[in-house]
Every structure is written in structure tokens, then in C-alpha cells.
Amino acid sequence: MIKPLNGRAVVKVEEAKEQTVSGIVLPSAAKEKQQVGVVEAVAENTEDFTSQLKEGDRVLFEKYAGSTFEYDGQELLIIKESDIIAIVD
């Protein structure tokens, strides 16, 4: 498992919808990068930083934030907690 450091979180980005509300199917090139994902791991709390996130939180993050990488066959995003805008209920 990946353990993020220094106030970062690992997020699994949700897949973009392949169809619009009106039923038009979008090709993969036309899909926008999703800005919603599920927290897979968070950095440990230190005396300088206390995380507001926990594993399993569904979050909204800045559009071009973080670095994408592949781990164990999954595409993940490692992101600073300061780039996470909100926890989505």
C-alpha cells in the first residue's frame, strides 16, 4: 500500500460518465478529467499537520491538482490536502 507524506492524500479518481444527460455517447477524448474521487490513503498526523480526511471520504479537488500514477493496476492521484476543496456527502 502507498503511504503519502507531508500533508498529501492518495485519491482514486471517479470515472467520467460516457453519456450525457440527453443520451449522447462521448468518445474518450471528449471526456473532461473528473474532479471527484475517493480517498485511498492519507498522510499521518504530525505536530505541524493534522489531516481533515480519512480513508473512504469522497472529495472534490482542484482541476489540475496532483500527480497521476499507476499502482497495482489502478490509476491514482497523489494530491496535497490544500488542493482538496470539499468532502462530498
Protein backbone atom coordinates (compact mmCIF):
# COMPACT_ATOMS: atom_id res chain seq x y z
CA MET A 1 0.00 0.00 0.00
CA ILE A 2 1.12 3.56 -0.66
CA LYS A 3 1.64 5.82 2.36
CA PRO A 4 1.57 9.54 1.40
CA LEU A 5 3.77 12.02 3.26
CA ASN A 6 3.77 15.74 4.12
CA GLY A 7 0.06 16.55 4.06
CA ARG A 8 -0.79 14.61 0.93
CA ALA A 9 -3.54 12.12 0.14
CA VAL A 10 -3.92 9.32 -2.40
CA VAL A 11 -7.21 9.60 -4.31
CA LYS A 12 -8.84 7.17 -6.74
CA VAL A 13 -10.47 9.43 -9.34
CA GLU A 14 -14.04 8.51 -10.30
CA GLU A 15 -14.59 7.57 -13.93
CA ALA A 16 -16.12 10.22 -16.17
CA LYS A 17 -19.60 9.46 -17.46
CA GLU A 18 -19.64 8.13 -21.00
CA GLN A 19 -23.07 9.53 -21.79
CA THR A 20 -24.62 12.97 -21.39
CA VAL A 21 -28.00 13.54 -19.75
CA SER A 22 -29.59 13.77 -23.19
CA GLY A 23 -28.15 10.36 -24.16
CA ILE A 24 -25.21 11.41 -26.37
CA VAL A 25 -22.29 8.97 -26.00
CA LEU A 26 -18.97 10.77 -25.58
CA PRO A 27 -15.71 9.46 -27.04
CA SER A 28 -12.89 9.10 -24.51
CA ALA A 29 -11.04 12.12 -25.96
CA ALA A 30 -14.03 14.39 -25.27
CA LYS A 31 -14.33 13.47 -21.60
CA GLU A 32 -13.09 16.00 -19.07
CA LYS A 33 -10.86 14.93 -16.23
CA GLN A 34 -13.07 14.20 -13.23
CA GLN A 35 -12.58 16.34 -10.13
CA VAL A 36 -14.21 13.89 -7.71
CA GLY A 37 -12.61 10.86 -6.14
CA VAL A 38 -12.37 8.61 -3.11
CA VAL A 39 -9.52 8.92 -0.60
CA GLU A 40 -7.46 5.72 -0.53
CA ALA A 41 -4.79 6.86 1.98
CA VAL A 42 -3.81 9.97 3.95
CA ALA A 43 -0.56 11.20 5.48
CA GLU A 44 -0.04 10.59 9.18
CA ASN A 45 -0.67 13.49 11.54
CA THR A 46 2.40 15.34 12.80
CA GLU A 47 2.86 18.26 15.15
CA ASP A 48 2.88 20.56 12.07
CA PHE A 49 -0.06 18.99 10.26
CA THR A 50 -3.38 17.39 11.21
CA SER A 51 -5.37 15.74 8.42
CA GLN A 52 -9.05 16.56 7.95
CA LEU A 53 -9.53 13.48 5.74
CA LYS A 54 -9.99 9.79 6.34
CA GLU A 55 -9.90 6.80 4.03
CA GLY A 56 -13.17 6.38 2.15
CA ASP A 57 -14.05 10.10 2.05
CA ARG A 58 -15.44 11.23 -1.31
CA VAL A 59 -13.74 14.52 -2.19
CA LEU A 60 -13.82 17.36 -4.71
CA PHE A 61 -10.41 18.70 -5.76
CA GLU A 62 -8.84 21.44 -7.91
CA LYS A 63 -8.95 20.72 -11.65
CA TYR A 64 -5.22 20.37 -12.40
CA ALA A 65 -4.01 19.37 -8.94
CA GLY A 66 -1.79 16.45 -8.07
CA SER A 67 0.22 13.85 -9.93
CA THR A 68 -1.34 10.82 -11.59
CA PHE A 69 0.36 7.44 -11.29
CA GLU A 70 -0.47 3.77 -11.70
CA TYR A 71 -0.22 1.36 -8.77
CA ASP A 72 -1.38 -2.23 -8.63
CA GLY A 73 -3.31 -1.82 -11.90
CA GLN A 74 -5.23 1.25 -10.69
CA GLU A 75 -4.80 4.85 -11.78
CA LEU A 76 -4.41 7.02 -8.68
CA LEU A 77 -3.76 10.67 -7.90
CA ILE A 78 -1.45 11.91 -5.16
CA ILE A 79 -2.55 15.36 -4.09
CA LYS A 80 -1.84 17.97 -1.41
CA GLU A 81 -4.71 18.24 1.05
CA SER A 82 -4.70 22.00 0.43
CA ASP A 83 -5.82 21.26 -3.17
CA ILE A 84 -8.86 19.36 -1.92
CA ILE A 85 -11.82 21.75 -1.93
CA ALA A 86 -14.50 19.77 -0.10
CA ILE A 87 -15.68 16.46 1.27
CA VAL A 88 -18.78 15.34 -0.67
CA ASP A 89 -21.56 13.61 1.30
